[in-house]
Amino acid sequence: MSDSGHSPTDDSTPDPAAQGSGQAGAGHPKSVHPLALWQRDVWLCLGFFTRLPVKSVEGTLSEAVRAFPLAGLAVGLIGALVYYLGFHIGLSAPLAALLAVAATGIVTGALHEDGWADVCDALGARGGIEQRLEILRDSRLGSYGGLALIFATLIKVMALAALTAPELVAGALVAAHTLSRGVLPLMMSRMTLARAEGLAARAGRPSVTAANWSLAIALIIAVVAVAPVAALVALLAALAATWLIAKLAQKKFGGYTGDVLGAVEQVAEMAILVNLVTLI
């Protein structure tokens, strides 16, 4: 997620607050069939987290957090397909991995990368909380943000290339993208907002129960993708990344923003991939 002026969500994804008239986190209408609610949540999350041409639906993002991991699953599978095709036409593992990482960035509109870069720019600036929040709103990319994007890309590419085998890369991508989005509702449900406006504020606050469902679904998908032990280690890595960014955001920004959520996804994704290299 990202709050800055060059956010990929500005012109192509629906405003999560404008898609429904219900209160954030108010829950799903009880009169609607559960399957229809699941479909709505999946379309809502795919429409927000990706650039895929999906059906437009009404609803608030906070109501659909249980489907966050499913959006991650779609992104991970697209990256896995690109790696598979590249590897089987004779590309080297590093080049196929670079194309896979590029594909995941393209399909998401670099949504989380944008937030990661903005957070790094803000953390590298001098001044207090207000100055840092102002930098988060700035659409320009600074030196810290540029370096952060370079290092994040290198870490992901090298980790995937180290796995080499397409089936291992596929499992790692699915686990990483699923768990890194599955942990986002934990911050959204438990942490205070840094400001009353912006993407994170419009998304709303999910319930703790919904956040726990998101985490459970992400773990189940990860277990299928990379085996139980590796999935548990990946989950711990994602939780550690979430805790670390949450502590840093509370101290430096006074809470979380959409950019902070993007940073959580990126750090969790990197931590998961690095750990999976030693496990699968």
Protein backbone atom coordinates (compact mmCIF):
# COMPACT_ATOMS: atom_id res chain seq x y z
CA MET A 1 0.00 0.00 0.00
CA SER A 2 1.09 3.56 -0.53
CA ASP A 3 -0.17 7.04 0.32
CA SER A 4 2.17 9.10 -1.85
CA GLY A 5 1.22 11.10 -4.89
CA HIS A 6 2.59 8.54 -7.34
CA SER A 7 0.65 5.69 -5.79
CA PRO A 8 -0.35 3.05 -8.36
CA THR A 9 -3.83 3.10 -6.89
CA ASP A 10 -4.57 6.69 -7.85
CA ASP A 11 -6.00 6.08 -11.32
CA SER A 12 -6.60 2.38 -11.67
CA THR A 13 -7.89 0.90 -8.44
CA PRO A 14 -11.08 1.70 -6.60
CA ASP A 15 -11.04 3.80 -3.45
CA PRO A 16 -11.59 1.24 -0.68
CA ALA A 17 -13.70 3.73 1.23
CA ALA A 18 -15.85 4.70 -1.71
CA GLN A 19 -16.93 1.22 -2.64
CA GLY A 20 -19.53 0.79 0.05
CA SER A 21 -21.57 2.82 2.50
CA GLY A 22 -21.02 0.59 5.54
CA GLN A 23 -18.78 1.45 8.44
CA ALA A 24 -15.20 0.23 8.23
CA GLY A 25 -14.85 -3.16 9.81
CA ALA A 26 -18.62 -3.44 10.30
CA GLY A 27 -18.64 -6.96 8.87
CA HIS A 28 -20.53 -8.65 6.08
CA PRO A 29 -24.31 -8.41 5.58
CA LYS A 30 -25.84 -11.49 7.12
CA SER A 31 -28.51 -11.77 4.41
CA VAL A 32 -25.97 -12.47 1.66
CA HIS A 33 -24.91 -16.03 0.87
CA PRO A 34 -21.42 -16.83 2.28
CA LEU A 35 -20.10 -17.86 -1.14
CA ALA A 36 -21.21 -14.56 -2.62
CA LEU A 37 -19.42 -12.74 0.21
CA TRP A 38 -16.23 -14.67 -0.49
CA GLN A 39 -16.48 -13.78 -4.19
CA ARG A 40 -17.00 -10.14 -3.30
CA ASP A 41 -13.98 -10.14 -0.99
CA VAL A 42 -11.74 -11.82 -3.56
CA TRP A 43 -12.72 -9.39 -6.34
CA LEU A 44 -12.30 -6.46 -3.97
CA CYS A 45 -8.80 -7.52 -2.94
CA LEU A 46 -7.71 -8.38 -6.47
CA GLY A 47 -8.99 -5.03 -7.66
CA PHE A 48 -7.07 -3.20 -4.98
CA PHE A 49 -3.81 -5.17 -4.79
CA THR A 50 -3.36 -5.93 -8.48
CA ARG A 51 -3.84 -4.44 -11.93
CA LEU A 52 -5.74 -7.50 -13.11
CA PRO A 53 -8.96 -6.71 -15.02
CA VAL A 54 -11.39 -7.99 -12.41
CA LYS A 55 -15.03 -7.35 -11.72
CA SER A 56 -15.78 -4.11 -9.88
CA VAL A 57 -17.64 -4.70 -6.62
CA GLU A 58 -18.86 -2.64 -3.69
CA GLY A 59 -17.44 -2.95 -0.21
CA THR A 60 -14.78 -1.65 2.14
CA LEU A 61 -11.30 -3.10 2.18
CA SER A 62 -11.39 -3.68 5.93
CA GLU A 63 -14.31 -6.09 5.45
CA ALA A 64 -12.35 -8.15 2.91
CA VAL A 65 -9.05 -8.70 4.74
CA ARG A 66 -9.59 -12.47 4.91
CA ALA A 67 -9.02 -12.47 1.14
CA PHE A 68 -5.68 -10.62 1.33
CA PRO A 69 -3.76 -13.92 1.12
CA LEU A 70 -5.73 -14.92 -1.99
CA ALA A 71 -4.57 -11.77 -3.75
CA GLY A 72 -1.04 -12.72 -2.74
CA LEU A 73 -1.60 -16.22 -4.10
CA ALA A 74 -2.55 -14.79 -7.50
CA VAL A 75 0.55 -12.58 -7.59
CA GLY A 76 2.82 -15.44 -6.51
CA LEU A 77 1.43 -17.76 -9.18
CA ILE A 78 1.97 -15.18 -11.89
CA GLY A 79 5.59 -14.75 -10.81
CA ALA A 80 6.02 -18.54 -10.71
CA LEU A 81 4.64 -18.90 -14.25
CA VAL A 82 7.05 -16.29 -15.58
CA TYR A 83 10.00 -18.01 -13.88
CA TYR A 84 8.90 -21.41 -15.24
CA LEU A 85 8.65 -20.12 -18.81
CA GLY A 86 11.96 -18.28 -18.61
CA PHE A 87 13.78 -21.24 -17.11
CA HIS A 88 12.43 -23.68 -19.68
CA ILE A 89 13.40 -21.57 -22.68
CA GLY A 90 17.00 -21.66 -21.49
CA LEU A 91 17.39 -18.50 -19.41
CA SER A 92 19.75 -18.59 -16.45
CA ALA A 93 18.22 -18.84 -12.99
CA PRO A 94 19.15 -15.21 -12.07
CA LEU A 95 17.62 -13.84 -15.27
CA ALA A 96 14.46 -15.92 -14.89
CA ALA A 97 14.23 -14.76 -11.26
CA LEU A 98 14.62 -11.13 -12.31
CA LEU A 99 11.79 -11.51 -14.81
CA ALA A 100 9.61 -13.18 -12.15
CA VAL A 101 10.20 -10.36 -9.68
CA ALA A 102 9.53 -7.82 -12.43
CA ALA A 103 6.26 -9.59 -13.26
CA THR A 104 5.06 -9.42 -9.65
CA GLY A 105 5.87 -5.71 -9.59
CA ILE A 106 4.02 -5.10 -12.83
CA VAL A 107 0.92 -7.05 -11.83
CA THR A 108 0.67 -5.12 -8.55
CA GLY A 109 1.54 -1.75 -10.05
CA ALA A 110 4.56 -1.71 -7.70
CA LEU A 111 2.07 -0.83 -4.97
CA HIS A 112 4.10 -2.14 -2.03
CA GLU A 113 7.47 -1.18 -3.50
CA ASP A 114 6.26 2.40 -3.63
CA GLY A 115 5.40 2.36 0.06
CA TRP A 116 8.72 0.72 0.96
CA ALA A 117 10.68 3.42 -0.89
CA ASP A 118 8.68 6.24 0.70
CA VAL A 119 9.17 4.84 4.19
CA CYS A 120 12.93 4.55 3.67
CA ASP A 121 13.09 8.13 2.38
CA ALA A 122 11.16 9.33 5.43
CA LEU A 123 13.30 7.36 7.86
CA GLY A 124 16.44 8.81 6.33
CA ALA A 125 15.26 12.40 6.77
CA ARG A 126 16.02 14.70 9.67
CA GLY A 127 13.29 16.22 11.78
CA GLY A 128 10.31 15.07 13.81
CA ILE A 129 7.18 13.07 13.10
CA GLU A 130 5.46 15.81 11.11
CA GLN A 131 8.44 16.20 8.80
CA ARG A 132 8.58 12.45 8.21
CA LEU A 133 4.87 12.25 7.48
CA GLU A 134 5.25 15.08 4.99
CA ILE A 135 7.99 13.13 3.20
CA LEU A 136 5.65 10.11 3.02
CA ARG A 137 3.22 12.31 1.07
CA ASP A 138 5.95 13.44 -1.35
CA SER A 139 5.74 11.71 -4.73
CA ARG A 140 9.44 12.17 -5.47
CA LEU A 141 11.91 9.33 -4.98
CA GLY A 142 14.91 10.12 -2.81
CA SER A 143 18.30 8.46 -2.52
CA TYR A 144 17.28 6.29 0.44
CA GLY A 145 14.17 5.11 -1.37
CA GLY A 146 16.13 4.37 -4.54
CA LEU A 147 18.70 2.33 -2.65
CA ALA A 148 15.93 0.51 -0.79
CA LEU A 149 14.30 -0.55 -4.06
CA ILE A 150 17.62 -1.72 -5.49
CA PHE A 151 18.49 -3.78 -2.43
CA ALA A 152 14.99 -5.24 -2.13
CA THR A 153 15.02 -6.31 -5.77
CA LEU A 154 18.49 -7.84 -5.47
CA ILE A 155 17.58 -9.76 -2.32
CA LYS A 156 14.47 -11.24 -3.90
CA VAL A 157 16.15 -12.09 -7.19
CA MET A 158 19.18 -13.71 -5.57
CA ALA A 159 17.04 -15.72 -3.15
CA LEU A 160 14.88 -17.09 -5.97
CA ALA A 161 17.90 -17.79 -8.16
CA ALA A 162 19.49 -19.76 -5.32
CA LEU A 163 16.48 -22.11 -5.31
CA THR A 164 16.93 -22.68 -9.08
CA ALA A 165 14.32 -25.45 -9.59
CA PRO A 166 11.03 -24.00 -10.92
CA GLU A 167 8.91 -26.01 -8.45
CA LEU A 168 10.91 -24.66 -5.50
CA VAL A 169 10.73 -21.12 -6.83
CA ALA A 170 6.97 -21.47 -7.32
CA GLY A 171 6.47 -22.62 -3.74
CA ALA A 172 8.65 -19.82 -2.38
CA LEU A 173 6.86 -17.14 -4.40
CA VAL A 174 3.43 -18.36 -3.35
CA ALA A 175 4.41 -18.58 0.32
CA ALA A 176 6.14 -15.19 0.30
CA HIS A 177 3.38 -13.26 -1.44
CA THR A 178 0.62 -14.98 0.52
CA LEU A 179 2.11 -14.59 4.00
CA SER A 180 3.41 -11.07 3.41
CA ARG A 181 -0.14 -9.94 2.67
CA GLY A 182 -1.70 -12.17 5.29
CA VAL A 183 0.10 -10.29 8.08
CA LEU A 184 -1.06 -6.82 6.99
CA PRO A 185 -4.43 -7.01 8.79
CA LEU A 186 -2.58 -7.63 12.07
CA MET A 187 -1.17 -4.13 11.91
CA MET A 188 -4.41 -2.66 10.60
CA SER A 189 -6.46 -4.14 13.45
CA ARG A 190 -4.08 -3.49 16.34
CA MET A 191 -2.04 -0.38 15.58
CA THR A 192 -3.06 3.29 15.63
CA LEU A 193 -3.17 5.37 12.48
CA ALA A 194 -0.46 7.99 12.02
CA ARG A 195 -2.98 10.39 10.51
CA ALA A 196 -6.72 10.63 10.05
CA GLU A 197 -6.61 10.87 6.26
CA GLY A 198 -4.89 8.85 3.57
CA LEU A 199 -5.20 5.39 2.09
CA ALA A 200 -4.86 3.49 5.37
CA ALA A 201 -7.55 5.61 7.01
CA ARG A 202 -9.92 5.11 4.07
CA ALA A 203 -9.32 1.36 4.12
CA GLY A 204 -10.74 1.17 7.65
CA ARG A 205 -9.94 -0.99 10.63
CA PRO A 206 -10.70 -4.72 10.39
CA SER A 207 -11.71 -6.78 13.38
CA VAL A 208 -9.12 -8.87 15.21
CA THR A 209 -11.08 -11.98 14.21
CA ALA A 210 -10.88 -11.06 10.52
CA ALA A 211 -7.15 -10.39 10.88
CA ASN A 212 -6.66 -13.81 12.45
CA TRP A 213 -8.58 -15.42 9.58
CA SER A 214 -6.26 -13.73 7.11
CA LEU A 215 -3.22 -15.12 8.90
CA ALA A 216 -4.70 -18.62 9.15
CA ILE A 217 -5.61 -18.76 5.45
CA ALA A 218 -2.15 -17.51 4.51
CA LEU A 219 -0.52 -20.21 6.64
CA ILE A 220 -2.65 -22.96 5.10
CA ILE A 221 -1.66 -21.86 1.59
CA ALA A 222 2.00 -21.66 2.61
CA VAL A 223 1.91 -25.17 4.10
CA VAL A 224 0.65 -26.52 0.78
CA ALA A 225 3.27 -24.50 -1.13
CA VAL A 226 6.44 -25.26 0.84
CA ALA A 227 5.67 -27.94 3.49
CA PRO A 228 4.74 -27.42 7.15
CA VAL A 229 8.11 -26.72 8.77
CA ALA A 230 9.20 -24.27 6.08
CA ALA A 231 5.79 -22.58 6.20
CA LEU A 232 6.01 -22.12 9.97
CA VAL A 233 9.48 -20.62 9.69
CA ALA A 234 8.23 -18.34 6.91
CA LEU A 235 5.31 -17.28 9.11
CA LEU A 236 7.67 -16.44 11.96
CA ALA A 237 9.80 -14.40 9.57
CA ALA A 238 6.73 -12.49 8.38
CA LEU A 239 5.57 -11.85 11.96
CA ALA A 240 9.03 -10.66 12.95
CA ALA A 241 9.07 -8.26 10.00
CA THR A 242 5.62 -6.96 10.96
CA TRP A 243 6.66 -6.44 14.59
CA LEU A 244 9.88 -4.68 13.57
CA ILE A 245 8.21 -2.26 11.16
CA ALA A 246 5.35 -1.66 13.62
CA LYS A 247 7.77 -0.66 16.39
CA LEU A 248 9.72 1.56 14.02
CA ALA A 249 6.57 3.17 12.59
CA GLN A 250 5.16 3.90 16.04
CA LYS A 251 8.37 5.63 17.06
CA LYS A 252 9.10 7.51 13.84
CA PHE A 253 5.59 8.22 12.47
CA GLY A 254 3.29 7.89 15.46
CA GLY A 255 1.41 4.98 13.88
CA TYR A 256 0.93 3.30 10.52
CA THR A 257 0.04 4.60 7.08
CA GLY A 258 -0.52 2.98 3.70
CA ASP A 259 3.18 3.40 3.00
CA VAL A 260 4.04 1.59 6.23
CA LEU A 261 1.83 -1.32 5.20
CA GLY A 262 3.69 -1.44 1.90
CA ALA A 263 6.99 -1.55 3.79
CA VAL A 264 5.69 -4.40 5.95
CA GLU A 265 4.80 -6.42 2.85
CA GLN A 266 8.20 -5.87 1.28
CA VAL A 267 10.26 -6.62 4.39
CA ALA A 268 8.15 -9.70 5.13
CA GLU A 269 8.52 -10.91 1.54
CA MET A 270 12.30 -10.52 1.68
CA ALA A 271 12.57 -12.18 5.08
CA ILE A 272 10.47 -15.14 3.95
CA LEU A 273 12.45 -15.71 0.76
CA VAL A 274 15.81 -15.49 2.53
CA ASN A 275 14.67 -18.02 5.14
CA LEU A 276 13.18 -20.38 2.56
CA VAL A 277 16.50 -20.59 0.72
CA THR A 278 17.87 -22.57 3.68
CA LEU A 279 14.76 -24.72 4.14
CA ILE A 280 13.49 -25.96 0.76
